[in-house]
Amino acid sequence: MLAPFFDATRTEAGLDEAGRGCYAGPVFAAAVILPKDFAHPLLNDSKQLSEKQRDALRPVIEKESIAFAVSKIDNKEIDKINILQASYKAMHLSIAALSTLPDWLLIDGNRFKPYPNISHHCIVKGDGKFASIAAASVLAKTYRDEYMQTLHQQFPQYHWNKNKGYGTADHRKAIAEFGLCKHHRKSFNILPNQQQLFHQ
């Protein structure tokens, strides 16, 4: 059972990211402020939900939340600043885009780059413990999956409609056959034997 909040006296935003371990595409992060009495029987860590369940939850979260925002950092910037910094930056962008400013941040994971003038609390596996983080995980995941579907139209050979850019067997096989494209994260050292073959 997800806890509805960490501190009843604060305006809390839950934050989570999606796509950190992917070979291709952006990393997405979402920030969500839920009403203290928000509850939904389906809501859980997005990894525990089916795609259909996540897609059903997304409009509910968007409608019922006090505020939400989703941001992304593309693969080129990930290669420049590294994936950890890119994840923090995406989270910071989402906080800045919230229509209501929170006074407390609940972060999924064990590390975070402090956001100016707002306290935060890191919670390992927080997306399975607190409703706002679970809601953020659902938004980050559904927005990213939707984005990877659009990239799939340009580069169908990588099967991003199914693997969403993760290093699955079919994705690795396609990279071995076709090389990397402009959406791949070059800093991830994903080419077999580091063959320097880049397709635009």
Protein backbone atom coordinates (compact mmCIF):
# COMPACT_ATOMS: atom_id res chain seq x y z
CA MET A 1 0.00 0.00 0.00
CA LEU A 2 1.44 3.36 -1.05
CA ALA A 3 1.74 6.09 1.55
CA PRO A 4 -0.30 9.17 0.52
CA PHE A 5 2.41 11.57 1.71
CA PHE A 6 5.63 11.86 3.69
CA ASP A 7 4.68 14.98 5.64
CA ALA A 8 1.06 16.17 5.82
CA THR A 9 2.09 19.75 6.57
CA ARG A 10 4.10 20.25 3.37
CA THR A 11 3.37 20.67 -0.33
CA GLU A 12 5.23 17.63 -1.63
CA ALA A 13 6.28 16.87 -5.18
CA GLY A 14 7.26 13.30 -6.05
CA LEU A 15 10.00 12.90 -8.68
CA ASP A 16 11.16 10.00 -10.79
CA GLU A 17 12.91 9.42 -14.11
CA ALA A 18 12.62 6.92 -16.95
CA GLY A 19 15.18 5.75 -19.48
CA ARG A 20 18.35 6.15 -17.47
CA GLY A 21 19.77 2.77 -18.53
CA CYS A 22 18.70 2.96 -22.18
CA TYR A 23 21.03 2.78 -25.17
CA ALA A 24 19.03 5.33 -27.15
CA GLY A 25 16.71 8.28 -26.77
CA PRO A 26 16.29 10.90 -24.04
CA VAL A 27 15.99 10.46 -20.30
CA PHE A 28 12.61 11.73 -19.05
CA ALA A 29 11.72 12.97 -15.57
CA ALA A 30 8.37 13.88 -14.03
CA ALA A 31 7.38 15.89 -10.97
CA VAL A 32 3.89 15.43 -9.49
CA ILE A 33 2.06 17.12 -6.62
CA LEU A 34 -0.96 15.04 -5.57
CA PRO A 35 -3.81 16.00 -3.25
CA LYS A 36 -3.25 14.49 0.22
CA ASP A 37 -6.34 12.30 -0.20
CA PHE A 38 -5.44 10.98 -3.66
CA ALA A 39 -5.81 7.21 -3.98
CA HIS A 40 -6.13 4.89 -6.94
CA PRO A 41 -6.22 1.07 -6.76
CA LEU A 42 -3.89 0.69 -9.76
CA LEU A 43 -1.23 3.18 -8.72
CA ASN A 44 2.15 1.57 -8.09
CA ASP A 45 5.76 1.69 -9.25
CA SER A 46 5.42 1.91 -13.05
CA LYS A 47 7.71 -1.12 -13.49
CA GLN A 48 5.12 -3.24 -11.65
CA LEU A 49 2.33 -2.18 -14.01
CA SER A 50 1.44 -3.29 -17.51
CA GLU A 51 1.58 -0.81 -20.38
CA LYS A 52 -2.23 -0.81 -20.44
CA GLN A 53 -2.40 0.00 -16.72
CA ARG A 54 0.13 2.83 -17.06
CA ASP A 55 -1.77 4.29 -20.00
CA ALA A 56 -5.01 4.16 -17.99
CA LEU A 57 -3.40 5.90 -15.01
CA ARG A 58 -1.76 8.74 -16.92
CA PRO A 59 -4.93 10.80 -17.64
CA VAL A 60 -6.16 10.22 -14.06
CA ILE A 61 -2.88 11.54 -12.61
CA GLU A 62 -2.88 14.51 -14.99
CA LYS A 63 -6.51 15.39 -14.12
CA GLU A 64 -6.37 14.81 -10.36
CA SER A 65 -2.91 16.20 -9.56
CA ILE A 66 -2.49 19.68 -8.13
CA ALA A 67 0.41 20.14 -10.57
CA PHE A 68 2.58 17.99 -12.80
CA ALA A 69 5.40 18.49 -15.31
CA VAL A 70 7.45 16.19 -17.54
CA SER A 71 10.86 17.07 -19.03
CA LYS A 72 13.49 15.36 -21.14
CA ILE A 73 17.21 15.60 -21.83
CA ASP A 74 18.27 14.24 -25.22
CA ASN A 75 21.02 11.75 -25.96
CA LYS A 76 23.46 14.42 -27.20
CA GLU A 77 23.32 16.25 -23.87
CA ILE A 78 23.50 12.93 -21.99
CA ASP A 79 26.77 12.25 -23.85
CA LYS A 80 28.06 15.70 -22.86
CA ILE A 81 27.18 15.83 -19.16
CA ASN A 82 26.68 12.08 -18.34
CA ILE A 83 23.46 10.24 -17.58
CA LEU A 84 23.41 10.97 -13.84
CA GLN A 85 23.70 14.75 -14.36
CA ALA A 86 21.17 14.53 -17.20
CA SER A 87 18.69 12.79 -14.88
CA TYR A 88 19.13 15.52 -12.27
CA LYS A 89 18.75 18.22 -14.91
CA ALA A 90 15.52 16.68 -16.25
CA MET A 91 14.16 16.57 -12.69
CA HIS A 92 15.15 20.21 -12.09
CA LEU A 93 13.42 21.26 -15.32
CA SER A 94 10.25 19.49 -14.22
CA ILE A 95 10.30 21.16 -10.79
CA ALA A 96 10.75 24.56 -12.45
CA ALA A 97 7.80 23.88 -14.77
CA LEU A 98 5.32 23.07 -11.97
CA SER A 99 2.42 25.54 -11.76
CA THR A 100 2.47 25.21 -7.96
CA LEU A 101 5.85 25.41 -6.24
CA PRO A 102 6.40 22.61 -3.71
CA ASP A 103 8.28 23.11 -0.45
CA TRP A 104 9.46 19.49 -0.21
CA LEU A 105 10.75 17.05 -2.83
CA LEU A 106 10.49 13.27 -2.60
CA ILE A 107 13.11 11.75 -4.90
CA ASP A 108 13.14 8.15 -6.09
CA GLY A 109 16.64 6.77 -5.52
CA ASN A 110 19.58 7.44 -3.22
CA ARG A 111 21.12 10.60 -4.74
CA PHE A 112 19.98 14.00 -5.92
CA LYS A 113 21.48 17.35 -6.82
CA PRO A 114 19.79 19.84 -4.46
CA TYR A 115 17.26 22.16 -6.05
CA PRO A 116 17.64 25.80 -4.97
CA ASN A 117 15.58 26.72 -1.89
CA ILE A 118 13.57 23.46 -1.72
CA SER A 119 14.43 20.65 0.70
CA HIS A 120 14.48 17.10 -0.60
CA HIS A 121 14.43 13.56 0.71
CA CYS A 122 15.82 10.59 -1.27
CA ILE A 123 13.93 7.32 -0.93
CA VAL A 124 15.32 4.09 -2.35
CA LYS A 125 12.53 2.29 -4.24
CA GLY A 126 10.37 5.29 -3.42
CA ASP A 127 8.16 4.61 -6.44
CA GLY A 128 6.82 1.58 -4.57
CA LYS A 129 6.35 3.48 -1.30
CA PHE A 130 4.85 6.92 -1.95
CA ALA A 131 1.93 7.84 -4.19
CA SER A 132 3.49 11.02 -5.61
CA ILE A 133 6.70 9.24 -6.65
CA ALA A 134 4.68 6.37 -8.17
CA ALA A 135 2.62 8.92 -10.10
CA ALA A 136 5.82 10.59 -11.34
CA SER A 137 7.19 7.20 -12.41
CA VAL A 138 4.02 6.52 -14.43
CA LEU A 139 4.17 9.89 -16.19
CA ALA A 140 7.91 9.70 -16.93
CA LYS A 141 7.53 6.17 -18.32
CA THR A 142 4.42 6.79 -20.45
CA TYR A 143 5.76 10.04 -21.90
CA ARG A 144 9.07 8.39 -22.73
CA ASP A 145 7.46 5.30 -24.27
CA GLU A 146 5.27 7.54 -26.42
CA TYR A 147 8.34 9.50 -27.55
CA MET A 148 10.24 6.31 -28.43
CA GLN A 149 7.27 5.22 -30.56
CA THR A 150 7.72 8.37 -32.65
CA LEU A 151 11.48 7.74 -33.00
CA HIS A 152 10.67 4.18 -34.08
CA GLN A 153 8.91 5.61 -37.15
CA GLN A 154 12.25 7.10 -38.29
CA PHE A 155 14.41 4.08 -37.39
CA PRO A 156 12.22 0.95 -37.39
CA GLN A 157 15.25 -1.35 -37.68
CA TYR A 158 16.01 -0.90 -33.95
CA HIS A 159 12.54 -2.06 -32.77
CA TRP A 160 12.14 0.87 -30.36
CA ASN A 161 8.38 0.36 -30.45
CA LYS A 162 9.04 -2.79 -28.40
CA ASN A 163 12.34 -2.27 -26.55
CA LYS A 164 11.96 1.53 -26.02
CA GLY A 165 15.72 1.95 -26.46
CA TYR A 166 16.79 -0.54 -23.79
CA GLY A 167 19.65 -2.93 -24.57
CA THR A 168 17.52 -5.96 -25.37
CA ALA A 169 18.79 -8.81 -27.55
CA ASP A 170 16.90 -7.52 -30.62
CA HIS A 171 18.25 -3.99 -30.10
CA ARG A 172 21.83 -5.21 -29.67
CA LYS A 173 21.49 -7.38 -32.78
CA ALA A 174 20.23 -4.39 -34.79
CA ILE A 175 23.15 -2.25 -33.56
CA ALA A 176 25.60 -4.98 -34.65
CA GLU A 177 23.94 -5.04 -38.09
CA PHE A 178 23.20 -1.34 -38.73
CA GLY A 179 25.57 0.49 -36.38
CA LEU A 180 24.46 3.46 -34.29
CA CYS A 181 22.10 6.23 -35.35
CA LYS A 182 21.84 9.86 -34.22
CA HIS A 183 19.56 8.93 -31.29
CA HIS A 184 22.00 6.49 -29.69
CA ARG A 185 24.02 7.46 -26.63
CA LYS A 186 27.58 7.34 -27.92
CA SER A 187 29.08 7.60 -24.42
CA PHE A 188 27.51 4.27 -23.40
CA ASN A 189 30.10 2.17 -25.31
CA ILE A 190 27.42 -0.02 -26.84
CA LEU A 191 28.98 -0.93 -30.18
CA PRO A 192 30.24 -4.50 -30.44
CA ASN A 193 34.06 -4.28 -30.46
CA GLN A 194 33.61 -0.52 -30.67
CA GLN A 195 33.26 -0.56 -34.46
CA GLN A 196 32.97 3.12 -35.34
CA LEU A 197 30.01 2.96 -37.69
CA PHE A 198 27.45 5.72 -37.32
CA HIS A 199 24.36 5.97 -39.47
CA GLN A 200 22.36 9.16 -39.65
